[in-house]
Amino acid sequence: AVWDAVAKIEGKPLFQLLADRYGDGKPNRK
């Protein structure tokens, strides 16, 4: 629930937030 709130506050899907913070910024949505 915390991560859901954090991503919503940032205005992003959680998968995008994770890719931005811990990856190369390019999530694989498939």
PDB file of all heavy atoms in Angstrom:
ATOM      1  N   ALA A   1       0.826  -1.211   0.000  1.00  0.00           N
ATOM      2  CA  ALA A   1       0.000   0.000   0.000  1.00  0.00           C
ATOM      3  C   ALA A   1       0.861   1.262   0.000  1.00  0.00           C
ATOM      4  O   ALA A   1       0.514   2.268  -0.630  1.00  0.00           O
ATOM      5  CB  ALA A   1      -0.935  -0.016   1.208  1.00  0.00           C
ATOM      6  N   VAL A   2       1.984   1.220   0.689  1.00  0.00           N
ATOM      7  CA  VAL A   2       2.894   2.374   0.718  1.00  0.00           C
ATOM      8  C   VAL A   2       3.430   2.664  -0.682  1.00  0.00           C
ATOM      9  O   VAL A   2       3.419   3.811  -1.147  1.00  0.00           O
ATOM     10  CB  VAL A   2       4.047   2.120   1.707  1.00  0.00           C
ATOM     11  CG1 VAL A   2       5.143   3.170   1.537  1.00  0.00           C
ATOM     12  CG2 VAL A   2       3.532   2.130   3.143  1.00  0.00           C
ATOM     13  N   TRP A   3       3.890   1.633  -1.380  1.00  0.00           N
ATOM     14  CA  TRP A   3       4.432   1.843  -2.727  1.00  0.00           C
ATOM     15  C   TRP A   3       3.348   2.329  -3.693  1.00  0.00           C
ATOM     16  O   TRP A   3       3.619   3.135  -4.592  1.00  0.00           O
ATOM     17  CB  TRP A   3       5.072   0.566  -3.251  1.00  0.00           C
ATOM     18  CG  TRP A   3       6.434   0.301  -2.695  1.00  0.00           C
ATOM     19  CD1 TRP A   3       6.760  -0.531  -1.653  1.00  0.00           C
ATOM     20  CD2 TRP A   3       7.673   0.887  -3.130  1.00  0.00           C
ATOM     21  NE1 TRP A   3       8.120  -0.499  -1.426  1.00  0.00           N
ATOM     22  CE2 TRP A   3       8.701   0.355  -2.316  1.00  0.00           C
ATOM     23  CE3 TRP A   3       8.009   1.797  -4.122  1.00  0.00           C
ATOM     24  CZ2 TRP A   3      10.037   0.702  -2.472  1.00  0.00           C
ATOM     25  CZ3 TRP A   3       9.343   2.157  -4.288  1.00  0.00           C
ATOM     26  CH2 TRP A   3      10.343   1.608  -3.467  1.00  0.00           C
ATOM     27  N   ASP A   4       2.122   1.841  -3.518  1.00  0.00           N
ATOM     28  CA  ASP A   4       1.019   2.331  -4.351  1.00  0.00           C
ATOM     29  C   ASP A   4       0.840   3.828  -4.145  1.00  0.00           C
ATOM     30  O   ASP A   4       0.704   4.599  -5.111  1.00  0.00           O
ATOM     31  CB  ASP A   4      -0.258   1.565  -3.987  1.00  0.00           C
ATOM     32  CG  ASP A   4      -1.428   1.870  -4.913  1.00  0.00           C
ATOM     33  OD1 ASP A   4      -1.196   2.056  -6.127  1.00  0.00           O
ATOM     34  OD2 ASP A   4      -2.573   1.904  -4.425  1.00  0.00           O
ATOM     35  N   ALA A   5       0.874   4.256  -2.876  1.00  0.00           N
ATOM     36  CA  ALA A   5       0.735   5.687  -2.578  1.00  0.00           C
ATOM     37  C   ALA A   5       1.908   6.490  -3.128  1.00  0.00           C
ATOM     38  O   ALA A   5       1.717   7.573  -3.717  1.00  0.00           O
ATOM     39  CB  ALA A   5       0.611   5.895  -1.071  1.00  0.00           C
ATOM     40  N   VAL A   6       3.114   5.983  -2.965  1.00  0.00           N
ATOM     41  CA  VAL A   6       4.309   6.704  -3.422  1.00  0.00           C
ATOM     42  C   VAL A   6       4.259   6.926  -4.933  1.00  0.00           C
ATOM     43  O   VAL A   6       4.546   8.025  -5.427  1.00  0.00           O
ATOM     44  CB  VAL A   6       5.581   5.935  -3.017  1.00  0.00           C
ATOM     45  CG1 VAL A   6       6.809   6.450  -3.761  1.00  0.00           C
ATOM     46  CG2 VAL A   6       5.798   6.033  -1.509  1.00  0.00           C
ATOM     47  N   ALA A   7       3.904   5.884  -5.678  1.00  0.00           N
ATOM     48  CA  ALA A   7       3.828   6.032  -7.134  1.00  0.00           C
ATOM     49  C   ALA A   7       2.716   6.991  -7.534  1.00  0.00           C
ATOM     50  O   ALA A   7       2.875   7.784  -8.475  1.00  0.00           O
ATOM     51  CB  ALA A   7       3.624   4.662  -7.784  1.00  0.00           C
ATOM     52  N   LYS A   8       1.591   6.956  -6.830  1.00  0.00           N
ATOM     53  CA  LYS A   8       0.498   7.882  -7.137  1.00  0.00           C
ATOM     54  C   LYS A   8       0.899   9.329  -6.839  1.00  0.00           C
ATOM     55  O   LYS A   8       0.560  10.243  -7.598  1.00  0.00           O
ATOM     56  CB  LYS A   8      -0.747   7.498  -6.338  1.00  0.00           C
ATOM     57  CG  LYS A   8      -1.434   6.231  -6.823  1.00  0.00           C
ATOM     58  CD  LYS A   8      -2.550   5.822  -5.872  1.00  0.00           C
ATOM     59  CE  LYS A   8      -3.263   4.576  -6.353  1.00  0.00           C
ATOM     60  NZ  LYS A   8      -4.242   4.075  -5.351  1.00  0.00           N
ATOM     61  N   ILE A   9       1.599   9.542  -5.737  1.00  0.00           N
ATOM     62  CA  ILE A   9       2.059  10.886  -5.417  1.00  0.00           C
ATOM     63  C   ILE A   9       2.984  11.406  -6.507  1.00  0.00           C
ATOM     64  O   ILE A   9       2.937  12.580  -6.892  1.00  0.00           O
ATOM     65  CB  ILE A   9       2.760  10.895  -4.039  1.00  0.00           C
ATOM     66  CG1 ILE A   9       1.726  10.672  -2.927  1.00  0.00           C
ATOM     67  CG2 ILE A   9       3.510  12.205  -3.814  1.00  0.00           C
ATOM     68  CD1 ILE A   9       2.332  10.422  -1.553  1.00  0.00           C
ATOM     69  N   GLU A  10       3.802  10.509  -7.041  1.00  0.00           N
ATOM     70  CA  GLU A  10       4.719  10.903  -8.111  1.00  0.00           C
ATOM     71  C   GLU A  10       4.026  10.981  -9.467  1.00  0.00           C
ATOM     72  O   GLU A  10       4.606  11.450 -10.452  1.00  0.00           O
ATOM     73  CB  GLU A  10       5.889   9.921  -8.165  1.00  0.00           C
ATOM     74  CG  GLU A  10       7.119  10.494  -8.831  1.00  0.00           C
ATOM     75  CD  GLU A  10       8.416   9.882  -8.333  1.00  0.00           C
ATOM     76  OE1 GLU A  10       8.583   9.762  -7.106  1.00  0.00           O
ATOM     77  OE2 GLU A  10       9.255   9.541  -9.178  1.00  0.00           O
ATOM     78  N   GLY A  11       2.777  10.496  -9.540  1.00  0.00           N
ATOM     79  CA  GLY A  11       2.016  10.570 -10.779  1.00  0.00           C
ATOM     80  C   GLY A  11       2.468   9.599 -11.837  1.00  0.00           C
ATOM     81  O   GLY A  11       2.356   9.883 -13.043  1.00  0.00           O
ATOM     82  N   LYS A  12       2.954   8.426 -11.414  1.00  0.00           N
ATOM     83  CA  LYS A  12       3.471   7.427 -12.355  1.00  0.00           C
ATOM     84  C   LYS A  12       2.908   6.048 -12.043  1.00  0.00           C
ATOM     85  O   LYS A  12       2.554   5.758 -10.897  1.00  0.00           O
ATOM     86  CB  LYS A  12       4.998   7.330 -12.240  1.00  0.00           C
ATOM     87  CG  LYS A  12       5.774   8.567 -12.590  1.00  0.00           C
ATOM     88  CD  LYS A  12       7.266   8.322 -12.384  1.00  0.00           C
ATOM     89  CE  LYS A  12       8.093   9.541 -12.739  1.00  0.00           C
ATOM     90  NZ  LYS A  12       9.542   9.287 -12.517  1.00  0.00           N
ATOM     91  N   PRO A  13       2.867   5.172 -13.057  1.00  0.00           N
ATOM     92  CA  PRO A  13       2.681   3.751 -12.747  1.00  0.00           C
ATOM     93  C   PRO A  13       3.845   3.264 -11.890  1.00  0.00           C
ATOM     94  O   PRO A  13       4.988   3.736 -12.049  1.00  0.00           O
ATOM     95  CB  PRO A  13       2.696   3.072 -14.120  1.00  0.00           C
ATOM     96  CG  PRO A  13       2.431   4.160 -15.108  1.00  0.00           C
ATOM     97  CD  PRO A  13       2.998   5.412 -14.504  1.00  0.00           C
ATOM     98  N   LEU A  14       3.590   2.331 -11.004  1.00  0.00           N
ATOM     99  CA  LEU A  14       4.672   1.823 -10.168  1.00  0.00           C
ATOM    100  C   LEU A  14       5.791   1.235 -11.013  1.00  0.00           C
ATOM    101  O   LEU A  14       6.978   1.399 -10.683  1.00  0.00           O
ATOM    102  CB  LEU A  14       4.143   0.773  -9.184  1.00  0.00           C
ATOM    103  CG  LEU A  14       5.198   0.144  -8.276  1.00  0.00           C
ATOM    104  CD1 LEU A  14       5.921   1.182  -7.433  1.00  0.00           C
ATOM    105  CD2 LEU A  14       4.575  -0.943  -7.390  1.00  0.00           C
ATOM    106  N   PHE A  15       5.438   0.557 -12.121  1.00  0.00           N
ATOM    107  CA  PHE A  15       6.502  -0.034 -12.933  1.00  0.00           C
ATOM    108  C   PHE A  15       7.441   1.029 -13.496  1.00  0.00           C
ATOM    109  O   PHE A  15       8.647   0.805 -13.622  1.00  0.00           O
ATOM    110  CB  PHE A  15       5.934  -0.939 -14.038  1.00  0.00           C
ATOM    111  CG  PHE A  15       5.031  -0.285 -15.043  1.00  0.00           C
ATOM    112  CD1 PHE A  15       5.525   0.534 -16.046  1.00  0.00           C
ATOM    113  CD2 PHE A  15       3.661  -0.521 -15.006  1.00  0.00           C
ATOM    114  CE1 PHE A  15       4.690   1.122 -16.985  1.00  0.00           C
ATOM    115  CE2 PHE A  15       2.807   0.057 -15.940  1.00  0.00           C
ATOM    116  CZ  PHE A  15       3.327   0.889 -16.922  1.00  0.00           C
ATOM    117  N   GLN A  16       6.912   2.213 -13.815  1.00  0.00           N
ATOM    118  CA  GLN A  16       7.768   3.287 -14.321  1.00  0.00           C
ATOM    119  C   GLN A  16       8.638   3.861 -13.203  1.00  0.00           C
ATOM    120  O   GLN A  16       9.831   4.140 -13.407  1.00  0.00           O
ATOM    121  CB  GLN A  16       6.923   4.389 -14.946  1.00  0.00           C
ATOM    122  CG  GLN A  16       7.739   5.503 -15.592  1.00  0.00           C
ATOM    123  CD  GLN A  16       8.553   4.998 -16.764  1.00  0.00           C
ATOM    124  OE1 GLN A  16       8.008   4.493 -17.737  1.00  0.00           O
ATOM    125  NE2 GLN A  16       9.885   5.107 -16.672  1.00  0.00           N
ATOM    126  N   LEU A  17       8.046   4.039 -12.031  1.00  0.00           N
ATOM    127  CA  LEU A  17       8.820   4.537 -10.898  1.00  0.00           C
ATOM    128  C   LEU A  17       9.976   3.598 -10.580  1.00  0.00           C
ATOM    129  O   LEU A  17      11.104   4.040 -10.315  1.00  0.00           O
ATOM    130  CB  LEU A  17       7.902   4.702  -9.684  1.00  0.00           C
ATOM    131  CG  LEU A  17       8.529   5.264  -8.411  1.00  0.00           C
ATOM    132  CD1 LEU A  17       7.561   6.180  -7.690  1.00  0.00           C
ATOM    133  CD2 LEU A  17       8.965   4.140  -7.465  1.00  0.00           C
ATOM    134  N   LEU A  18       9.727   2.296 -10.612  1.00  0.00           N
ATOM    135  CA  LEU A  18      10.788   1.324 -10.316  1.00  0.00           C
ATOM    136  C   LEU A  18      11.873   1.343 -11.382  1.00  0.00           C
ATOM    137  O   LEU A  18      13.069   1.273 -11.066  1.00  0.00           O
ATOM    138  CB  LEU A  18      10.192  -0.079 -10.188  1.00  0.00           C
ATOM    139  CG  LEU A  18       9.237  -0.291  -9.014  1.00  0.00           C
ATOM    140  CD1 LEU A  18       8.659  -1.701  -9.048  1.00  0.00           C
ATOM    141  CD2 LEU A  18       9.932  -0.038  -7.689  1.00  0.00           C
ATOM    142  N   ALA A  19      11.465   1.429 -12.639  1.00  0.00           N
ATOM    143  CA  ALA A  19      12.454   1.494 -13.717  1.00  0.00           C
ATOM    144  C   ALA A  19      13.297   2.763 -13.602  1.00  0.00           C
ATOM    145  O   ALA A  19      14.508   2.743 -13.852  1.00  0.00           O
ATOM    146  CB  ALA A  19      11.756   1.435 -15.068  1.00  0.00           C
ATOM    147  N   ASP A  20      12.665   3.869 -13.208  1.00  0.00           N
ATOM    148  CA  ASP A  20      13.395   5.124 -13.058  1.00  0.00           C
ATOM    149  C   ASP A  20      14.385   5.066 -11.900  1.00  0.00           C
ATOM    150  O   ASP A  20      15.524   5.545 -12.007  1.00  0.00           O
ATOM    151  CB  ASP A  20      12.423   6.282 -12.833  1.00  0.00           C
ATOM    152  CG  ASP A  20      11.602   6.622 -14.066  1.00  0.00           C
ATOM    153  OD1 ASP A  20      11.987   6.197 -15.169  1.00  0.00           O
ATOM    154  OD2 ASP A  20      10.567   7.306 -13.910  1.00  0.00           O
ATOM    155  N   ARG A  21      13.964   4.479 -10.786  1.00  0.00           N
ATOM    156  CA  ARG A  21      14.797   4.510  -9.588  1.00  0.00           C
ATOM    157  C   ARG A  21      15.848   3.396  -9.562  1.00  0.00           C
ATOM    158  O   ARG A  21      16.943   3.585  -9.015  1.00  0.00           O
ATOM    159  CB  ARG A  21      13.924   4.389  -8.334  1.00  0.00           C
ATOM    160  CG  ARG A  21      13.037   5.587  -8.076  1.00  0.00           C
ATOM    161  CD  ARG A  21      12.384   5.494  -6.702  1.00  0.00           C
ATOM    162  NE  ARG A  21      11.531   6.650  -6.427  1.00  0.00           N
ATOM    163  CZ  ARG A  21      10.921   6.868  -5.274  1.00  0.00           C
ATOM    164  NH1 ARG A  21      11.090   6.004  -4.268  1.00  0.00           N
ATOM    165  NH2 ARG A  21      10.155   7.944  -5.095  1.00  0.00           N
ATOM    166  N   TYR A  22      15.507   2.239 -10.113  1.00  0.00           N
ATOM    167  CA  TYR A  22      16.374   1.073  -9.935  1.00  0.00           C
ATOM    168  C   TYR A  22      16.799   0.423 -11.256  1.00  0.00           C
ATOM    169  O   TYR A  22      17.520  -0.577 -11.233  1.00  0.00           O
ATOM    170  CB  TYR A  22      15.671   0.027  -9.059  1.00  0.00           C
ATOM    171  CG  TYR A  22      15.209   0.585  -7.735  1.00  0.00           C
ATOM    172  CD1 TYR A  22      13.863   0.876  -7.504  1.00  0.00           C
ATOM    173  CD2 TYR A  22      16.113   0.852  -6.714  1.00  0.00           C
ATOM    174  CE1 TYR A  22      13.433   1.394  -6.293  1.00  0.00           C
ATOM    175  CE2 TYR A  22      15.693   1.375  -5.495  1.00  0.00           C
ATOM    176  CZ  TYR A  22      14.354   1.645  -5.295  1.00  0.00           C
ATOM    177  OH  TYR A  22      13.938   2.167  -4.096  1.00  0.00           O
ATOM    178  N   GLY A  23      16.372   0.974 -12.370  1.00  0.00           N
ATOM    179  CA  GLY A  23      16.723   0.406 -13.661  1.00  0.00           C
ATOM    180  C   GLY A  23      17.208   1.466 -14.623  1.00  0.00           C
ATOM    181  O   GLY A  23      17.788   2.481 -14.225  1.00  0.00           O
ATOM    182  N   ASP A  24      16.921   1.241 -15.891  1.00  0.00           N
ATOM    183  CA  ASP A  24      17.383   2.169 -16.931  1.00  0.00           C
ATOM    184  C   ASP A  24      16.298   3.134 -17.382  1.00  0.00           C
ATOM    185  O   ASP A  24      16.452   3.836 -18.378  1.00  0.00           O
ATOM    186  CB  ASP A  24      17.907   1.387 -18.140  1.00  0.00           C
ATOM    187  CG  ASP A  24      16.835   0.503 -18.782  1.00  0.00           C
ATOM    188  OD1 ASP A  24      15.663   0.542 -18.327  1.00  0.00           O
ATOM    189  OD2 ASP A  24      17.165  -0.224 -19.732  1.00  0.00           O
ATOM    190  N   GLY A  25      15.190   3.168 -16.649  1.00  0.00           N
ATOM    191  CA  GLY A  25      14.100   4.073 -16.990  1.00  0.00           C
ATOM    192  C   GLY A  25      13.167   3.548 -18.063  1.00  0.00           C
ATOM    193  O   GLY A  25      12.211   4.241 -18.437  1.00  0.00           O
ATOM    194  N   LYS A  26      13.423   2.321 -18.537  1.00  0.00           N
ATOM    195  CA  LYS A  26      12.624   1.755 -19.625  1.00  0.00           C
ATOM    196  C   LYS A  26      11.976   0.450 -19.182  1.00  0.00           C
ATOM    197  O   LYS A  26      12.558  -0.628 -19.338  1.00  0.00           O
ATOM    198  CB  LYS A  26      13.504   1.509 -20.854  1.00  0.00           C
ATOM    199  CG  LYS A  26      14.169   2.771 -21.401  1.00  0.00           C
ATOM    200  CD  LYS A  26      15.095   2.442 -22.557  1.00  0.00           C
ATOM    201  CE  LYS A  26      15.793   3.683 -23.083  1.00  0.00           C
ATOM    202  NZ  LYS A  26      16.746   3.346 -24.174  1.00  0.00           N
ATOM    203  N   PRO A  27      10.787   0.507 -18.607  1.00  0.00           N
ATOM    204  CA  PRO A  27      10.122  -0.718 -18.184  1.00  0.00           C
ATOM    205  C   PRO A  27       9.678  -1.545 -19.378  1.00  0.00           C
ATOM    206  O   PRO A  27       9.468  -1.010 -20.481  1.00  0.00           O
ATOM    207  CB  PRO A  27       8.902  -0.200 -17.406  1.00  0.00           C
ATOM    208  CG  PRO A  27       8.624   1.136 -18.021  1.00  0.00           C
ATOM    209  CD  PRO A  27       9.970   1.708 -18.370  1.00  0.00           C
ATOM    210  N   ASN A  28       9.555  -2.837 -19.154  1.00  0.00           N
ATOM    211  CA  ASN A  28       8.999  -3.730 -20.167  1.00  0.00           C
ATOM    212  C   ASN A  28       7.562  -4.039 -19.775  1.00  0.00           C
ATOM    213  O   ASN A  28       7.309  -4.870 -18.904  1.00  0.00           O
ATOM    214  CB  ASN A  28       9.818  -5.011 -20.266  1.00  0.00           C
ATOM    215  CG  ASN A  28       9.293  -5.951 -21.343  1.00  0.00           C
ATOM    216  OD1 ASN A  28       8.353  -5.617 -22.071  1.00  0.00           O
ATOM    217  ND2 ASN A  28       9.879  -7.127 -21.451  1.00  0.00           N
ATOM    218  N   ARG A  29       6.620  -3.358 -20.401  1.00  0.00           N
ATOM    219  CA  ARG A  29       5.214  -3.488 -20.015  1.00  0.00           C
ATOM    220  C   ARG A  29       4.600  -4.802 -20.476  1.00  0.00           C
ATOM    221  O   ARG A  29       3.494  -5.152 -20.047  1.00  0.00           O
ATOM    222  CB  ARG A  29       4.414  -2.316 -20.582  1.00  0.00           C
ATOM    223  CG  ARG A  29       4.777  -0.970 -19.957  1.00  0.00           C
ATOM    224  CD  ARG A  29       4.161   0.185 -20.736  1.00  0.00           C
ATOM    225  NE  ARG A  29       2.739   0.017 -20.912  1.00  0.00           N
ATOM    226  CZ  ARG A  29       2.024   0.576 -21.888  1.00  0.00           C
ATOM    227  NH1 ARG A  29       2.640   1.336 -22.783  1.00  0.00           N
ATOM    228  NH2 ARG A  29       0.738   0.368 -21.978  1.00  0.00           N
ATOM    229  N   LYS A  30       5.268  -5.531 -21.346  1.00  0.00           N
ATOM    230  CA  LYS A  30       4.760  -6.808 -21.842  1.00  0.00           C
ATOM    231  C   LYS A  30       5.318  -7.933 -20.970  1.00  0.00           C
ATOM    232  O   LYS A  30       6.516  -8.205 -20.983  1.00  0.00           O
ATOM    233  CB  LYS A  30       5.148  -7.010 -23.303  1.00  0.00           C
ATOM    234  CG  LYS A  30       4.503  -8.221 -23.948  1.00  0.00           C
ATOM    235  CD  LYS A  30       4.861  -8.297 -25.433  1.00  0.00           C
ATOM    236  CE  LYS A  30       4.190  -9.504 -26.093  1.00  0.00           C
ATOM    237  NZ  LYS A  30       4.543  -9.593 -27.542  1.00  0.00           N
TER     238      LYS A  30
END
